Amino acid sequence: MSHYSKETMQQIWDLSILKVASKLNIKYSDKGSFRKCKCFMHDDHHPSMWFKVSNNTWSCPVCCKGGGLVSLVREHEKLTYDEALEWLI
């Protein structure tokens, strides 16, 4: 459980996954409800990872990983849950 207020947590969940991806320097396609990109977790030669804009999630079927904002930051930056929240704040 987080030690942050409900308001702070809501501000985190209201962030756009595309803005977070941009801050992580992840380059993604600029069209569609699924924004594709090359996965940072494996040697990806063709975009296999995607961001779903409508529900603020990401997935890489090759890696069998995905989730929301916190998991994206955790995976990319190799952080704990609390460290990822701090990064997002």
N, C-alpha and C. Protein backbone atom coordinates (compact mmCIF):
# COMPACT_ATOMS: atom_id res chain seq x y z
N MET A 1 0.85 -1.19 0.00
CA MET A 1 0.00 0.00 0.00
C MET A 1 0.89 1.24 0.00
N SER A 2 0.47 2.22 -0.74
CA SER A 2 1.24 3.45 -0.87
C SER A 2 1.03 4.37 0.32
N HIS A 3 2.06 5.13 0.65
CA HIS A 3 1.95 6.11 1.71
C HIS A 3 1.57 7.49 1.17
N TYR A 4 1.22 7.57 -0.10
CA TYR A 4 0.82 8.83 -0.71
C TYR A 4 -0.68 9.06 -0.54
N SER A 5 -1.08 10.32 -0.57
CA SER A 5 -2.49 10.67 -0.42
C SER A 5 -3.28 10.19 -1.64
N LYS A 6 -4.60 10.11 -1.47
CA LYS A 6 -5.48 9.74 -2.58
C LYS A 6 -5.32 10.71 -3.74
N GLU A 7 -5.17 12.00 -3.41
CA GLU A 7 -5.03 13.02 -4.43
C GLU A 7 -3.75 12.83 -5.25
N THR A 8 -2.65 12.54 -4.56
CA THR A 8 -1.38 12.31 -5.25
C THR A 8 -1.46 11.08 -6.14
N MET A 9 -2.06 10.02 -5.61
CA MET A 9 -2.20 8.79 -6.40
C MET A 9 -3.09 9.05 -7.62
N GLN A 10 -4.14 9.83 -7.46
CA GLN A 10 -5.02 10.14 -8.59
C GLN A 10 -4.26 10.95 -9.64
N GLN A 11 -3.41 11.87 -9.21
CA GLN A 11 -2.60 12.64 -10.16
C GLN A 11 -1.68 11.72 -10.96
N ILE A 12 -1.12 10.72 -10.30
CA ILE A 12 -0.26 9.76 -10.99
C ILE A 12 -1.08 8.99 -12.02
N TRP A 13 -2.25 8.46 -11.62
CA TRP A 13 -3.05 7.64 -12.53
C TRP A 13 -3.62 8.47 -13.68
N ASP A 14 -3.73 9.79 -13.49
CA ASP A 14 -4.24 10.66 -14.55
C ASP A 14 -3.18 11.01 -15.60
N LEU A 15 -1.93 10.68 -15.34
CA LEU A 15 -0.87 10.96 -16.31
C LEU A 15 -1.10 10.15 -17.59
N SER A 16 -0.72 10.70 -18.71
CA SER A 16 -0.81 9.99 -19.99
C SER A 16 0.36 9.02 -20.12
N ILE A 17 0.06 7.78 -20.48
CA ILE A 17 1.13 6.80 -20.67
C ILE A 17 2.06 7.24 -21.80
N LEU A 18 1.53 7.97 -22.78
CA LEU A 18 2.38 8.45 -23.88
C LEU A 18 3.36 9.52 -23.40
N LYS A 19 2.92 10.38 -22.49
CA LYS A 19 3.83 11.38 -21.93
C LYS A 19 4.91 10.72 -21.09
N VAL A 20 4.52 9.69 -20.34
CA VAL A 20 5.50 8.95 -19.54
C VAL A 20 6.49 8.26 -20.46
N ALA A 21 6.00 7.63 -21.52
CA ALA A 21 6.89 6.96 -22.49
C ALA A 21 7.86 7.96 -23.10
N SER A 22 7.38 9.14 -23.42
CA SER A 22 8.26 10.18 -23.98
C SER A 22 9.34 10.58 -22.99
N LYS A 23 8.96 10.72 -21.71
CA LYS A 23 9.97 11.07 -20.69
C LYS A 23 11.01 9.96 -20.55
N LEU A 24 10.61 8.72 -20.86
CA LEU A 24 11.54 7.59 -20.80
C LEU A 24 12.31 7.44 -22.12
N ASN A 25 12.09 8.36 -23.05
CA ASN A 25 12.72 8.33 -24.38
C ASN A 25 12.36 7.09 -25.19
N ILE A 26 11.12 6.64 -25.03
CA ILE A 26 10.60 5.54 -25.84
C ILE A 26 9.90 6.17 -27.04
N LYS A 27 10.38 5.85 -28.22
CA LYS A 27 9.81 6.38 -29.46
C LYS A 27 8.69 5.46 -29.93
N TYR A 28 7.51 6.01 -30.17
CA TYR A 28 6.36 5.22 -30.58
C TYR A 28 5.71 5.84 -31.81
N SER A 29 4.89 5.06 -32.51
CA SER A 29 4.17 5.56 -33.68
C SER A 29 3.21 6.65 -33.25
N ASP A 30 2.93 7.57 -34.14
CA ASP A 30 2.11 8.73 -33.76
C ASP A 30 0.67 8.63 -34.21
N LYS A 31 0.20 7.44 -34.57
CA LYS A 31 -1.17 7.28 -35.03
C LYS A 31 -1.84 6.10 -34.36
N GLY A 32 -3.16 6.20 -34.27
CA GLY A 32 -3.96 5.07 -33.83
C GLY A 32 -4.14 4.95 -32.33
N SER A 33 -5.05 4.06 -31.95
CA SER A 33 -5.31 3.85 -30.53
C SER A 33 -4.27 2.93 -29.91
N PHE A 34 -3.56 2.16 -30.75
CA PHE A 34 -2.43 1.35 -30.29
C PHE A 34 -1.17 1.96 -30.89
N ARG A 35 -0.32 2.54 -30.06
CA ARG A 35 0.92 3.16 -30.52
C ARG A 35 2.04 2.15 -30.40
N LYS A 36 2.56 1.68 -31.51
CA LYS A 36 3.58 0.63 -31.51
C LYS A 36 4.98 1.22 -31.34
N CYS A 37 5.86 0.40 -30.75
CA CYS A 37 7.26 0.79 -30.60
C CYS A 37 8.11 -0.47 -30.45
N LYS A 38 9.41 -0.28 -30.61
CA LYS A 38 10.33 -1.38 -30.36
C LYS A 38 10.46 -1.55 -28.85
N CYS A 39 10.45 -2.78 -28.42
CA CYS A 39 10.51 -3.08 -26.99
C CYS A 39 11.92 -2.87 -26.46
N PHE A 40 12.01 -2.23 -25.31
CA PHE A 40 13.30 -1.97 -24.67
C PHE A 40 13.79 -3.17 -23.86
N MET A 41 12.96 -4.19 -23.70
CA MET A 41 13.31 -5.33 -22.85
C MET A 41 13.96 -6.48 -23.61
N HIS A 42 13.90 -6.44 -24.94
CA HIS A 42 14.56 -7.48 -25.74
C HIS A 42 15.08 -6.87 -27.04
N ASP A 43 15.87 -7.63 -27.76
CA ASP A 43 16.45 -7.17 -29.02
C ASP A 43 15.35 -7.17 -30.09
N ASP A 44 14.65 -6.07 -30.17
CA ASP A 44 13.46 -5.96 -31.01
C ASP A 44 13.82 -5.30 -32.34
N HIS A 45 13.58 -6.01 -33.44
CA HIS A 45 13.87 -5.47 -34.77
C HIS A 45 12.63 -4.91 -35.44
N HIS A 46 11.46 -5.34 -34.97
CA HIS A 46 10.18 -4.85 -35.48
C HIS A 46 9.34 -4.46 -34.27
N PRO A 47 8.63 -3.37 -34.32
CA PRO A 47 7.84 -2.94 -33.16
C PRO A 47 6.89 -4.04 -32.67
N SER A 48 7.15 -4.55 -31.49
CA SER A 48 6.28 -5.57 -30.92
C SER A 48 5.58 -5.08 -29.66
N MET A 49 6.02 -3.97 -29.12
CA MET A 49 5.42 -3.40 -27.93
C MET A 49 4.42 -2.34 -28.35
N TRP A 50 3.37 -2.16 -27.55
CA TRP A 50 2.39 -1.13 -27.88
C TRP A 50 1.86 -0.46 -26.63
N PHE A 51 1.34 0.74 -26.84
CA PHE A 51 0.63 1.51 -25.82
C PHE A 51 -0.81 1.62 -26.26
N LYS A 52 -1.74 1.30 -25.38
CA LYS A 52 -3.17 1.46 -25.68
C LYS A 52 -3.63 2.75 -25.02
N VAL A 53 -3.89 3.75 -25.84
CA VAL A 53 -4.21 5.09 -25.37
C VAL A 53 -5.50 5.12 -24.55
N SER A 54 -6.50 4.36 -24.98
CA SER A 54 -7.82 4.45 -24.35
C SER A 54 -7.84 4.03 -22.88
N ASN A 55 -6.95 3.12 -22.50
CA ASN A 55 -6.93 2.72 -21.08
C ASN A 55 -5.57 2.88 -20.42
N ASN A 56 -4.66 3.62 -21.09
CA ASN A 56 -3.37 3.98 -20.47
C ASN A 56 -2.54 2.76 -20.08
N THR A 57 -2.47 1.77 -20.98
CA THR A 57 -1.71 0.56 -20.69
C THR A 57 -0.66 0.32 -21.77
N TRP A 58 0.22 -0.64 -21.49
CA TRP A 58 1.24 -1.05 -22.44
C TRP A 58 1.36 -2.56 -22.40
N SER A 59 1.92 -3.14 -23.45
CA SER A 59 2.13 -4.58 -23.49
C SER A 59 3.21 -4.92 -24.50
N CYS A 60 3.96 -5.96 -24.18
CA CYS A 60 4.87 -6.58 -25.14
C CYS A 60 4.55 -8.08 -25.13
N PRO A 61 3.86 -8.58 -26.16
CA PRO A 61 3.52 -10.00 -26.20
C PRO A 61 4.74 -10.91 -26.27
N VAL A 62 5.84 -10.43 -26.81
CA VAL A 62 7.07 -11.23 -26.89
C VAL A 62 7.63 -11.48 -25.49
N CYS A 63 7.65 -10.44 -24.67
CA CYS A 63 8.16 -10.54 -23.30
C CYS A 63 7.12 -11.05 -22.31
N CYS A 64 5.86 -11.10 -22.74
CA CYS A 64 4.75 -11.46 -21.85
C CYS A 64 4.68 -10.53 -20.65
N LYS A 65 4.89 -9.24 -20.92
CA LYS A 65 4.83 -8.23 -19.87
C LYS A 65 3.95 -7.09 -20.33
N GLY A 66 3.42 -6.37 -19.36
CA GLY A 66 2.60 -5.21 -19.66
C GLY A 66 2.00 -4.67 -18.38
N GLY A 67 1.18 -3.66 -18.52
CA GLY A 67 0.54 -3.07 -17.36
C GLY A 67 0.25 -1.61 -17.56
N GLY A 68 0.38 -0.86 -16.48
CA GLY A 68 0.09 0.56 -16.50
C GLY A 68 1.34 1.40 -16.34
N LEU A 69 1.14 2.62 -15.89
CA LEU A 69 2.22 3.59 -15.75
C LEU A 69 3.34 3.12 -14.83
N VAL A 70 2.96 2.63 -13.66
CA VAL A 70 3.98 2.25 -12.68
C VAL A 70 4.81 1.09 -13.18
N SER A 71 4.16 0.08 -13.78
CA SER A 71 4.93 -1.06 -14.26
C SER A 71 5.84 -0.67 -15.42
N LEU A 72 5.42 0.27 -16.26
CA LEU A 72 6.28 0.73 -17.35
C LEU A 72 7.54 1.37 -16.79
N VAL A 73 7.38 2.24 -15.83
CA VAL A 73 8.54 2.91 -15.22
C VAL A 73 9.40 1.89 -14.48
N ARG A 74 8.77 0.96 -13.76
CA ARG A 74 9.53 -0.07 -13.03
C ARG A 74 10.41 -0.88 -13.98
N GLU A 75 9.81 -1.35 -15.08
CA GLU A 75 10.55 -2.18 -16.04
C GLU A 75 11.65 -1.38 -16.72
N HIS A 76 11.34 -0.19 -17.18
CA HIS A 76 12.30 0.60 -17.94
C HIS A 76 13.47 1.08 -17.08
N GLU A 77 13.16 1.53 -15.89
CA GLU A 77 14.18 2.11 -15.02
C GLU A 77 14.73 1.14 -13.98
N LYS A 78 14.20 -0.07 -13.94
CA LYS A 78 14.63 -1.11 -12.97
C LYS A 78 14.44 -0.60 -11.53
N LEU A 79 13.23 -0.16 -11.23
CA LEU A 79 12.92 0.43 -9.92
C LEU A 79 11.93 -0.44 -9.15
N THR A 80 11.86 -0.19 -7.85
CA THR A 80 10.81 -0.80 -7.03
C THR A 80 9.52 -0.03 -7.27
N TYR A 81 8.43 -0.53 -6.72
CA TYR A 81 7.14 0.15 -6.84
C TYR A 81 7.22 1.56 -6.27
N ASP A 82 7.73 1.70 -5.05
CA ASP A 82 7.82 3.03 -4.42
C ASP A 82 8.75 3.96 -5.18
N GLU A 83 9.85 3.43 -5.69
CA GLU A 83 10.77 4.26 -6.48
C GLU A 83 10.11 4.73 -7.77
N ALA A 84 9.29 3.86 -8.36
CA ALA A 84 8.59 4.24 -9.59
C ALA A 84 7.56 5.33 -9.31
N LEU A 85 6.88 5.24 -8.17
CA LEU A 85 5.94 6.30 -7.79
C LEU A 85 6.68 7.62 -7.63
N GLU A 86 7.82 7.60 -6.96
CA GLU A 86 8.63 8.81 -6.80
C GLU A 86 9.02 9.38 -8.15
N TRP A 87 9.45 8.52 -9.06
CA TRP A 87 9.84 8.95 -10.40
C TRP A 87 8.66 9.65 -11.09
N LEU A 88 7.48 9.08 -10.96
CA LEU A 88 6.29 9.64 -11.60
C LEU A 88 5.86 10.97 -10.97
N ILE A 89 6.08 11.11 -9.69
CA ILE A 89 5.73 12.36 -8.99
C ILE A 89 6.67 13.45 -9.43
